Amino acid sequence: MMTWRHVTPDDFPLLARWLAEPHVARWWHHETSAAAVERDFGPSARGAEPNEDLLAFVDGTPIGLLQRSFLHDYPEYLDELTPLTAVPPRAMTIDYLIGDAAHVGRGLGTRMIRSALAHLWADHRDAECVIVAVHADNAPSWRALERAGLTRVAHGEIDPDNPADDRRHYVYRTDRPTD
């Protein structure tokens, strides 16, 4: 059973450890100092940022981080997506990571995305769809999206998280279930 809860400041040391893991650092390219983690996750933990940072747990053990937000709350990102694909007014996006390398390659990413989508639809009744851009070279991530039921709808250039990467991205989408 996968459960979720909002990130709190008590989780920052865990996030710093996860962000330092090579499999995470490669794609998130995030500073891991206490000050950097506070700077980047503190506003969400305090409710001062429109995105939500959630921890995913399996049998009580934290296994991953999920960020979710409405795209309209981040106009710069929205400006990069709209030339590639239509973005409805109430579109959301997610970003995610599996923290511990021991949990990678076991299907937990796909399971986490499926669970996250179920919770997103329940928590945000006005969300129309979820649109996710992922770097073209990050095959484990885009394969997890595909296994979770998202469809590749576009490809194009978006600024990468890691400046060592080129701008090639795939864009995935899933619409709110109708049943």
N, C-alpha and C. Protein backbone atom coordinates (compact mmCIF):
# COMPACT_ATOMS: atom_id res chain seq x y z
N MET A 1 0.85 -1.19 0.00
CA MET A 1 0.00 0.00 0.00
C MET A 1 0.89 1.24 0.00
N MET A 2 0.61 2.15 -0.91
CA MET A 2 1.36 3.41 -0.97
C MET A 2 0.53 4.49 -0.30
N THR A 3 1.18 5.24 0.58
CA THR A 3 0.54 6.36 1.25
C THR A 3 1.34 7.62 0.97
N TRP A 4 0.72 8.75 1.27
CA TRP A 4 1.30 10.05 0.95
C TRP A 4 1.14 11.01 2.11
N ARG A 5 2.08 11.93 2.24
CA ARG A 5 1.89 13.06 3.13
C ARG A 5 2.75 14.22 2.63
N HIS A 6 2.34 15.41 3.02
CA HIS A 6 3.08 16.62 2.63
C HIS A 6 4.45 16.64 3.31
N VAL A 7 5.43 17.15 2.60
CA VAL A 7 6.78 17.32 3.15
C VAL A 7 6.73 18.37 4.25
N THR A 8 7.46 18.10 5.32
CA THR A 8 7.63 19.06 6.41
C THR A 8 9.12 19.36 6.55
N PRO A 9 9.47 20.42 7.28
CA PRO A 9 10.90 20.71 7.48
C PRO A 9 11.68 19.55 8.11
N ASP A 10 11.01 18.70 8.87
CA ASP A 10 11.69 17.53 9.45
C ASP A 10 12.18 16.56 8.37
N ASP A 11 11.61 16.66 7.17
CA ASP A 11 12.00 15.78 6.06
C ASP A 11 13.19 16.30 5.27
N PHE A 12 13.63 17.51 5.53
CA PHE A 12 14.69 18.11 4.72
C PHE A 12 15.99 17.31 4.72
N PRO A 13 16.43 16.76 5.85
CA PRO A 13 17.66 15.94 5.79
C PRO A 13 17.50 14.72 4.87
N LEU A 14 16.32 14.10 4.88
CA LEU A 14 16.06 12.98 3.98
C LEU A 14 16.12 13.44 2.53
N LEU A 15 15.48 14.57 2.23
CA LEU A 15 15.51 15.09 0.86
C LEU A 15 16.94 15.40 0.43
N ALA A 16 17.73 15.97 1.32
CA ALA A 16 19.13 16.27 0.98
C ALA A 16 19.89 14.99 0.64
N ARG A 17 19.66 13.93 1.41
CA ARG A 17 20.32 12.65 1.11
C ARG A 17 19.88 12.11 -0.24
N TRP A 18 18.59 12.15 -0.49
CA TRP A 18 18.08 11.65 -1.77
C TRP A 18 18.62 12.46 -2.94
N LEU A 19 18.62 13.78 -2.81
CA LEU A 19 19.08 14.64 -3.90
C LEU A 19 20.56 14.43 -4.20
N ALA A 20 21.31 13.93 -3.21
CA ALA A 20 22.73 13.66 -3.40
C ALA A 20 22.99 12.30 -4.04
N GLU A 21 21.99 11.43 -4.06
CA GLU A 21 22.15 10.10 -4.67
C GLU A 21 22.46 10.29 -6.16
N PRO A 22 23.45 9.58 -6.69
CA PRO A 22 23.82 9.77 -8.11
C PRO A 22 22.66 9.63 -9.09
N HIS A 23 21.77 8.66 -8.87
CA HIS A 23 20.66 8.46 -9.81
C HIS A 23 19.66 9.62 -9.76
N VAL A 24 19.60 10.33 -8.65
CA VAL A 24 18.73 11.51 -8.53
C VAL A 24 19.47 12.75 -9.02
N ALA A 25 20.70 12.92 -8.54
CA ALA A 25 21.48 14.11 -8.89
C ALA A 25 21.63 14.26 -10.40
N ARG A 26 21.73 13.15 -11.10
CA ARG A 26 21.90 13.19 -12.56
C ARG A 26 20.77 13.98 -13.22
N TRP A 27 19.55 13.80 -12.76
CA TRP A 27 18.41 14.42 -13.43
C TRP A 27 17.86 15.64 -12.70
N TRP A 28 17.99 15.68 -11.38
CA TRP A 28 17.46 16.82 -10.62
C TRP A 28 18.48 17.95 -10.53
N HIS A 29 19.76 17.62 -10.52
CA HIS A 29 20.83 18.62 -10.49
C HIS A 29 20.50 19.71 -9.46
N HIS A 30 20.40 19.29 -8.21
CA HIS A 30 19.92 20.13 -7.13
C HIS A 30 20.99 20.28 -6.07
N GLU A 31 21.11 21.46 -5.52
CA GLU A 31 22.01 21.65 -4.39
C GLU A 31 21.49 20.87 -3.19
N THR A 32 22.40 20.35 -2.37
CA THR A 32 21.99 19.49 -1.25
C THR A 32 22.32 20.05 0.12
N SER A 33 22.85 21.26 0.19
CA SER A 33 23.13 21.84 1.49
C SER A 33 21.82 22.08 2.24
N ALA A 34 21.89 22.16 3.55
CA ALA A 34 20.69 22.42 4.36
C ALA A 34 20.02 23.72 3.93
N ALA A 35 20.83 24.73 3.67
CA ALA A 35 20.28 26.03 3.25
C ALA A 35 19.57 25.92 1.90
N ALA A 36 20.15 25.17 0.95
CA ALA A 36 19.53 25.02 -0.37
C ALA A 36 18.22 24.24 -0.29
N VAL A 37 18.21 23.18 0.51
CA VAL A 37 16.98 22.39 0.65
C VAL A 37 15.90 23.23 1.31
N GLU A 38 16.26 23.98 2.32
CA GLU A 38 15.29 24.89 2.97
C GLU A 38 14.78 25.92 1.97
N ARG A 39 15.68 26.50 1.20
CA ARG A 39 15.30 27.52 0.21
C ARG A 39 14.31 26.95 -0.81
N ASP A 40 14.55 25.73 -1.27
CA ASP A 40 13.75 25.18 -2.36
C ASP A 40 12.51 24.42 -1.92
N PHE A 41 12.52 23.86 -0.72
CA PHE A 41 11.37 23.08 -0.25
C PHE A 41 10.63 23.75 0.90
N GLY A 42 11.26 24.71 1.56
CA GLY A 42 10.64 25.40 2.69
C GLY A 42 9.35 26.12 2.33
N PRO A 43 9.32 26.90 1.24
CA PRO A 43 8.08 27.61 0.92
C PRO A 43 6.88 26.67 0.72
N SER A 44 7.10 25.55 0.07
CA SER A 44 6.01 24.59 -0.11
C SER A 44 5.60 23.98 1.23
N ALA A 45 6.58 23.64 2.06
CA ALA A 45 6.28 23.05 3.37
C ALA A 45 5.48 24.02 4.24
N ARG A 46 5.70 25.32 4.06
CA ARG A 46 4.99 26.34 4.83
C ARG A 46 3.69 26.78 4.17
N GLY A 47 3.39 26.27 2.97
CA GLY A 47 2.18 26.67 2.26
C GLY A 47 2.32 28.01 1.57
N ALA A 48 3.55 28.49 1.39
CA ALA A 48 3.78 29.79 0.76
C ALA A 48 4.07 29.68 -0.73
N GLU A 49 4.07 28.48 -1.26
CA GLU A 49 4.34 28.23 -2.68
C GLU A 49 3.14 27.47 -3.23
N PRO A 50 2.74 27.74 -4.48
CA PRO A 50 1.53 27.07 -4.99
C PRO A 50 1.71 25.58 -5.30
N ASN A 51 2.95 25.09 -5.34
CA ASN A 51 3.12 23.65 -5.61
C ASN A 51 2.98 22.86 -4.31
N GLU A 52 2.87 21.55 -4.47
CA GLU A 52 2.81 20.65 -3.32
C GLU A 52 3.95 19.65 -3.44
N ASP A 53 4.67 19.48 -2.34
CA ASP A 53 5.72 18.46 -2.25
C ASP A 53 5.20 17.37 -1.33
N LEU A 54 5.18 16.15 -1.84
CA LEU A 54 4.63 15.01 -1.10
C LEU A 54 5.65 13.89 -1.03
N LEU A 55 5.69 13.23 0.12
CA LEU A 55 6.50 12.02 0.26
C LEU A 55 5.62 10.81 0.02
N ALA A 56 6.16 9.84 -0.71
CA ALA A 56 5.48 8.57 -0.95
C ALA A 56 6.07 7.53 0.00
N PHE A 57 5.21 6.74 0.60
CA PHE A 57 5.61 5.70 1.54
C PHE A 57 5.07 4.35 1.08
N VAL A 58 5.89 3.32 1.23
CA VAL A 58 5.44 1.95 1.03
C VAL A 58 5.65 1.23 2.36
N ASP A 59 4.57 0.73 2.91
CA ASP A 59 4.62 0.04 4.21
C ASP A 59 5.33 0.88 5.26
N GLY A 60 5.04 2.19 5.25
CA GLY A 60 5.60 3.10 6.26
C GLY A 60 7.00 3.61 5.98
N THR A 61 7.64 3.13 4.91
CA THR A 61 9.00 3.56 4.58
C THR A 61 8.95 4.60 3.47
N PRO A 62 9.58 5.77 3.67
CA PRO A 62 9.59 6.76 2.59
C PRO A 62 10.43 6.26 1.41
N ILE A 63 9.84 6.33 0.22
CA ILE A 63 10.55 5.82 -0.97
C ILE A 63 10.74 6.88 -2.05
N GLY A 64 9.98 7.96 -1.98
CA GLY A 64 10.10 8.93 -3.06
C GLY A 64 9.45 10.26 -2.76
N LEU A 65 9.74 11.18 -3.64
CA LEU A 65 9.21 12.54 -3.57
C LEU A 65 8.39 12.79 -4.83
N LEU A 66 7.27 13.47 -4.65
CA LEU A 66 6.45 13.90 -5.76
C LEU A 66 6.17 15.38 -5.59
N GLN A 67 6.34 16.13 -6.67
CA GLN A 67 5.92 17.52 -6.70
C GLN A 67 4.77 17.62 -7.68
N ARG A 68 3.73 18.37 -7.31
CA ARG A 68 2.62 18.57 -8.22
C ARG A 68 2.18 20.03 -8.15
N SER A 69 1.76 20.54 -9.30
CA SER A 69 1.34 21.93 -9.36
C SER A 69 0.51 22.17 -10.60
N PHE A 70 -0.26 23.24 -10.55
CA PHE A 70 -0.95 23.70 -11.74
C PHE A 70 0.06 24.45 -12.60
N LEU A 71 0.05 24.18 -13.88
CA LEU A 71 1.02 24.80 -14.78
C LEU A 71 0.86 26.32 -14.83
N HIS A 72 -0.36 26.82 -14.69
CA HIS A 72 -0.56 28.27 -14.78
C HIS A 72 0.12 29.01 -13.63
N ASP A 73 0.47 28.31 -12.57
CA ASP A 73 1.18 28.95 -11.45
C ASP A 73 2.66 29.19 -11.76
N TYR A 74 3.14 28.64 -12.86
CA TYR A 74 4.55 28.76 -13.25
C TYR A 74 4.63 29.21 -14.71
N PRO A 75 4.41 30.51 -14.96
CA PRO A 75 4.31 31.01 -16.34
C PRO A 75 5.54 30.75 -17.21
N GLU A 76 6.73 30.78 -16.62
CA GLU A 76 7.93 30.54 -17.43
C GLU A 76 7.92 29.11 -17.99
N TYR A 77 7.54 28.16 -17.17
CA TYR A 77 7.47 26.77 -17.62
C TYR A 77 6.34 26.60 -18.63
N LEU A 78 5.23 27.22 -18.36
CA LEU A 78 4.09 27.18 -19.28
C LEU A 78 4.49 27.74 -20.65
N ASP A 79 5.27 28.81 -20.65
CA ASP A 79 5.73 29.40 -21.92
C ASP A 79 6.59 28.44 -22.72
N GLU A 80 7.33 27.56 -22.05
CA GLU A 80 8.14 26.57 -22.76
C GLU A 80 7.28 25.43 -23.32
N LEU A 81 6.22 25.08 -22.61
CA LEU A 81 5.37 23.96 -23.04
C LEU A 81 4.41 24.31 -24.16
N THR A 82 3.84 25.51 -24.13
CA THR A 82 2.76 25.83 -25.07
C THR A 82 3.18 25.78 -26.55
N PRO A 83 4.44 26.04 -26.91
CA PRO A 83 4.78 25.84 -28.32
C PRO A 83 4.80 24.35 -28.73
N LEU A 84 4.88 23.47 -27.75
CA LEU A 84 5.00 22.04 -28.04
C LEU A 84 3.66 21.31 -28.02
N THR A 85 2.75 21.76 -27.16
CA THR A 85 1.48 21.06 -27.00
C THR A 85 0.44 22.01 -26.42
N ALA A 86 -0.82 21.71 -26.67
CA ALA A 86 -1.91 22.49 -26.08
C ALA A 86 -1.92 22.24 -24.57
N VAL A 87 -2.06 23.32 -23.81
CA VAL A 87 -2.08 23.22 -22.35
C VAL A 87 -3.40 23.83 -21.86
N PRO A 88 -4.34 23.00 -21.44
CA PRO A 88 -5.61 23.52 -20.93
C PRO A 88 -5.41 24.40 -19.70
N PRO A 89 -6.36 25.29 -19.42
CA PRO A 89 -6.22 26.21 -18.28
C PRO A 89 -6.00 25.53 -16.93
N ARG A 90 -6.57 24.35 -16.72
CA ARG A 90 -6.45 23.68 -15.42
C ARG A 90 -5.56 22.44 -15.53
N ALA A 91 -4.51 22.53 -16.34
CA ALA A 91 -3.54 21.43 -16.47
C ALA A 91 -2.59 21.46 -15.29
N MET A 92 -2.23 20.28 -14.84
CA MET A 92 -1.25 20.14 -13.76
C MET A 92 -0.02 19.43 -14.31
N THR A 93 1.05 19.47 -13.54
CA THR A 93 2.25 18.72 -13.86
C THR A 93 2.75 18.04 -12.60
N ILE A 94 3.56 17.02 -12.79
CA ILE A 94 4.20 16.34 -11.67
C ILE A 94 5.69 16.19 -11.97
N ASP A 95 6.45 16.09 -10.91
CA ASP A 95 7.86 15.71 -10.99
C ASP A 95 8.05 14.72 -9.85
N TYR A 96 9.01 13.84 -9.97
CA TYR A 96 9.08 12.73 -9.03
C TYR A 96 10.48 12.17 -9.00
N LEU A 97 10.75 11.48 -7.91
CA LEU A 97 12.01 10.76 -7.79
C LEU A 97 11.83 9.60 -6.83
N ILE A 98 12.60 8.57 -7.06
CA ILE A 98 12.76 7.47 -6.11
C ILE A 98 14.06 7.76 -5.37
N GLY A 99 14.00 7.87 -4.05
CA GLY A 99 15.13 8.37 -3.30
C GLY A 99 16.31 7.43 -3.14
N ASP A 100 16.06 6.23 -2.71
CA ASP A 100 17.12 5.28 -2.42
C ASP A 100 17.40 4.43 -3.65
N ALA A 101 18.66 4.33 -4.02
CA ALA A 101 19.03 3.55 -5.20
C ALA A 101 18.57 2.09 -5.10
N ALA A 102 18.45 1.57 -3.89
CA ALA A 102 18.00 0.18 -3.71
C ALA A 102 16.56 -0.02 -4.18
N HIS A 103 15.80 1.07 -4.30
CA HIS A 103 14.41 0.98 -4.74
C HIS A 103 14.24 1.19 -6.23
N VAL A 104 15.31 1.54 -6.93
CA VAL A 104 15.24 1.81 -8.36
C VAL A 104 15.22 0.50 -9.15
N GLY A 105 14.46 0.49 -10.24
CA GLY A 105 14.40 -0.68 -11.11
C GLY A 105 13.48 -1.78 -10.62
N ARG A 106 12.60 -1.44 -9.67
CA ARG A 106 11.69 -2.45 -9.11
C ARG A 106 10.23 -2.14 -9.40
N GLY A 107 9.99 -1.18 -10.29
CA GLY A 107 8.62 -0.83 -10.63
C GLY A 107 7.98 0.18 -9.70
N LEU A 108 8.73 0.67 -8.72
CA LEU A 108 8.14 1.61 -7.77
C LEU A 108 7.84 2.96 -8.40
N GLY A 109 8.62 3.38 -9.40
CA GLY A 109 8.34 4.64 -10.07
C GLY A 109 6.99 4.62 -10.75
N THR A 110 6.72 3.56 -11.48
CA THR A 110 5.42 3.42 -12.15
C THR A 110 4.30 3.37 -11.12
N ARG A 111 4.51 2.59 -10.09
CA ARG A 111 3.50 2.46 -9.02
C ARG A 111 3.27 3.81 -8.35
N MET A 112 4.35 4.55 -8.12
CA MET A 112 4.25 5.86 -7.48
C MET A 112 3.47 6.83 -8.38
N ILE A 113 3.75 6.83 -9.68
CA ILE A 113 3.05 7.73 -10.59
C ILE A 113 1.57 7.38 -10.65
N ARG A 114 1.24 6.10 -10.74
CA ARG A 114 -0.18 5.70 -10.75
C ARG A 114 -0.90 6.15 -9.49
N SER A 115 -0.28 5.91 -8.34
CA SER A 115 -0.88 6.32 -7.08
C SER A 115 -1.00 7.83 -6.99
N ALA A 116 0.05 8.53 -7.44
CA ALA A 116 0.03 9.99 -7.41
C ALA A 116 -1.11 10.55 -8.25
N LEU A 117 -1.32 9.95 -9.43
CA LEU A 117 -2.41 10.42 -10.29
C LEU A 117 -3.76 10.19 -9.64
N ALA A 118 -3.96 9.03 -9.02
CA ALA A 118 -5.24 8.76 -8.34
C ALA A 118 -5.49 9.80 -7.25
N HIS A 119 -4.46 10.12 -6.49
CA HIS A 119 -4.61 11.13 -5.44
C HIS A 119 -4.80 12.53 -6.01
N LEU A 120 -4.11 12.82 -7.09
CA LEU A 120 -4.25 14.14 -7.71
C LEU A 120 -5.67 14.36 -8.20
N TRP A 121 -6.25 13.37 -8.87
CA TRP A 121 -7.63 13.52 -9.35
C TRP A 121 -8.59 13.72 -8.18
N ALA A 122 -8.37 13.03 -7.08
CA ALA A 122 -9.25 13.17 -5.91
C ALA A 122 -9.04 14.50 -5.20
N ASP A 123 -7.79 14.94 -5.08
CA ASP A 123 -7.47 16.17 -4.34
C ASP A 123 -7.74 17.43 -5.14
N HIS A 124 -7.67 17.35 -6.44
CA HIS A 124 -7.83 18.52 -7.31
C HIS A 124 -8.92 18.23 -8.34
N ARG A 125 -10.15 18.34 -7.89
CA ARG A 125 -11.31 18.01 -8.74
C ARG A 125 -11.39 18.88 -9.99
N ASP A 126 -10.71 20.03 -9.98
CA ASP A 126 -10.75 20.92 -11.14
C ASP A 126 -9.60 20.67 -12.12
N ALA A 127 -8.71 19.73 -11.82
CA ALA A 127 -7.61 19.43 -12.73
C ALA A 127 -8.15 18.73 -13.97
N GLU A 128 -7.76 19.25 -15.14
CA GLU A 128 -8.24 18.70 -16.40
C GLU A 128 -7.36 17.57 -16.91
N CYS A 129 -6.06 17.73 -16.72
CA CYS A 129 -5.11 16.77 -17.24
C CYS A 129 -3.78 16.95 -16.50
N VAL A 130 -2.87 16.03 -16.76
CA VAL A 130 -1.51 16.13 -16.24
C VAL A 130 -0.58 16.08 -17.44
N ILE A 131 0.32 17.06 -17.51
CA ILE A 131 1.29 17.14 -18.59
C ILE A 131 2.68 17.13 -17.96
N VAL A 132 3.54 16.25 -18.45
CA VAL A 132 4.87 16.09 -17.87
C VAL A 132 5.90 16.13 -19.00
N ALA A 133 6.89 16.98 -18.85
CA ALA A 133 8.02 17.00 -19.77
C ALA A 133 9.19 16.29 -19.10
N VAL A 134 9.84 15.42 -19.85
CA VAL A 134 10.98 14.66 -19.31
C VAL A 134 12.09 14.66 -20.36
N HIS A 135 13.31 14.76 -19.89
CA HIS A 135 14.43 14.80 -20.83
C HIS A 135 14.43 13.51 -21.66
N ALA A 136 14.72 13.65 -22.95
CA ALA A 136 14.68 12.51 -23.87
C ALA A 136 15.65 11.40 -23.48
N ASP A 137 16.75 11.73 -22.81
CA ASP A 137 17.72 10.71 -22.41
C ASP A 137 17.35 10.01 -21.10
N ASN A 138 16.33 10.49 -20.41
CA ASN A 138 15.93 9.89 -19.14
C ASN A 138 14.91 8.78 -19.38
N ALA A 139 15.37 7.73 -20.04
CA ALA A 139 14.47 6.62 -20.42
C ALA A 139 13.76 5.99 -19.23
N PRO A 140 14.41 5.76 -18.08
CA PRO A 140 13.65 5.17 -16.97
C PRO A 140 12.44 6.02 -16.56
N SER A 141 12.59 7.33 -16.62
CA SER A 141 11.49 8.21 -16.24
C SER A 141 10.37 8.17 -17.27
N TRP A 142 10.71 8.34 -18.55
CA TRP A 142 9.61 8.35 -19.51
C TRP A 142 8.98 6.97 -19.70
N ARG A 143 9.75 5.92 -19.47
CA ARG A 143 9.13 4.57 -19.52
C ARG A 143 8.17 4.37 -18.37
N ALA A 144 8.53 4.90 -17.19
CA ALA A 144 7.62 4.81 -16.04
C ALA A 144 6.33 5.57 -16.33
N LEU A 145 6.44 6.73 -16.97
CA LEU A 145 5.23 7.47 -17.35
C LEU A 145 4.37 6.65 -18.30
N GLU A 146 5.00 6.04 -19.28
CA GLU A 146 4.24 5.22 -20.24
C GLU A 146 3.57 4.04 -19.55
N ARG A 147 4.31 3.35 -18.67
CA ARG A 147 3.72 2.21 -17.96
C ARG A 147 2.58 2.65 -17.04
N ALA A 148 2.64 3.90 -16.58
CA ALA A 148 1.58 4.43 -15.72
C ALA A 148 0.38 4.92 -16.52
N GLY A 149 0.47 4.88 -17.85
CA GLY A 149 -0.67 5.21 -18.68
C GLY A 149 -0.62 6.57 -19.36
N LEU A 150 0.45 7.31 -19.22
CA LEU A 150 0.56 8.58 -19.92
C LEU A 150 0.99 8.34 -21.37
N THR A 151 0.62 9.23 -22.23
CA THR A 151 0.89 9.13 -23.66
C THR A 151 1.84 10.24 -24.09
N ARG A 152 2.83 9.88 -24.89
CA ARG A 152 3.72 10.90 -25.44
C ARG A 152 2.94 11.68 -26.48
N VAL A 153 2.84 12.99 -26.27
CA VAL A 153 2.05 13.84 -27.16
C VAL A 153 2.90 14.82 -27.95
N ALA A 154 4.17 14.99 -27.56
CA ALA A 154 5.01 15.95 -28.25
C ALA A 154 6.47 15.71 -27.89
N HIS A 155 7.32 16.36 -28.64
CA HIS A 155 8.73 16.42 -28.30
C HIS A 155 9.25 17.77 -28.78
N GLY A 156 10.26 18.25 -28.13
CA GLY A 156 10.82 19.54 -28.51
C GLY A 156 11.84 20.01 -27.52
N GLU A 157 12.17 21.26 -27.59
CA GLU A 157 13.24 21.82 -26.77
C GLU A 157 12.69 22.58 -25.58
N ILE A 158 13.22 22.21 -24.41
CA ILE A 158 12.90 22.85 -23.13
C ILE A 158 14.21 22.95 -22.37
N ASP A 159 14.36 24.01 -21.59
CA ASP A 159 15.57 24.13 -20.78
C ASP A 159 15.67 22.94 -19.83
N PRO A 160 16.83 22.28 -19.80
CA PRO A 160 16.99 21.11 -18.93
C PRO A 160 17.28 21.51 -17.49
N ASP A 161 16.98 20.60 -16.55
CA ASP A 161 17.35 20.82 -15.15
C ASP A 161 18.85 20.80 -14.98
N ASN A 162 19.51 19.90 -15.71
CA ASN A 162 20.96 19.77 -15.62
C ASN A 162 21.57 20.50 -16.81
N PRO A 163 22.39 21.52 -16.55
CA PRO A 163 22.96 22.28 -17.67
C PRO A 163 23.88 21.45 -18.57
N ALA A 164 24.27 20.27 -18.14
CA ALA A 164 25.09 19.39 -18.99
C ALA A 164 24.26 18.75 -20.10
N ASP A 165 22.94 18.77 -19.96
CA ASP A 165 22.06 18.15 -20.95
C ASP A 165 21.69 19.11 -22.06
N ASP A 166 21.34 18.54 -23.21
CA ASP A 166 20.79 19.37 -24.28
C ASP A 166 19.31 19.64 -23.95
N ARG A 167 18.62 20.27 -24.88
CA ARG A 167 17.24 20.72 -24.61
C ARG A 167 16.16 19.73 -25.06
N ARG A 168 16.52 18.55 -25.56
CA ARG A 168 15.53 17.60 -26.08
C ARG A 168 14.66 17.03 -24.94
N HIS A 169 13.37 17.17 -25.10
CA HIS A 169 12.42 16.64 -24.12
C HIS A 169 11.27 15.95 -24.83
N TYR A 170 10.67 14.99 -24.13
CA TYR A 170 9.42 14.39 -24.54
C TYR A 170 8.34 14.95 -23.61
N VAL A 171 7.15 15.11 -24.15
CA VAL A 171 6.03 15.62 -23.36
C VAL A 171 4.96 14.53 -23.31
N TYR A 172 4.53 14.23 -22.10
CA TYR A 172 3.52 13.20 -21.85
C TYR A 172 2.27 13.83 -21.27
N ARG A 173 1.15 13.16 -21.50
CA ARG A 173 -0.13 13.68 -21.01
C ARG A 173 -1.07 12.55 -20.66
N THR A 174 -1.88 12.81 -19.65
CA THR A 174 -3.03 11.98 -19.35
C THR A 174 -4.16 12.90 -18.94
N ASP A 175 -5.36 12.57 -19.38
CA ASP A 175 -6.53 13.37 -19.05
C ASP A 175 -7.28 12.76 -17.87
N ARG A 176 -8.03 13.60 -17.20
CA ARG A 176 -8.83 13.14 -16.07
C ARG A 176 -9.72 11.98 -16.52
N PRO A 177 -9.73 10.88 -15.78
CA PRO A 177 -10.62 9.76 -16.15
C PRO A 177 -12.07 10.21 -16.13
N THR A 178 -12.85 9.66 -17.02
CA THR A 178 -14.26 10.06 -17.14
C THR A 178 -15.20 9.17 -16.33
N ASP A 179 -14.71 8.04 -15.84
CA ASP A 179 -15.64 7.15 -15.10
C ASP A 179 -15.70 7.46 -13.65
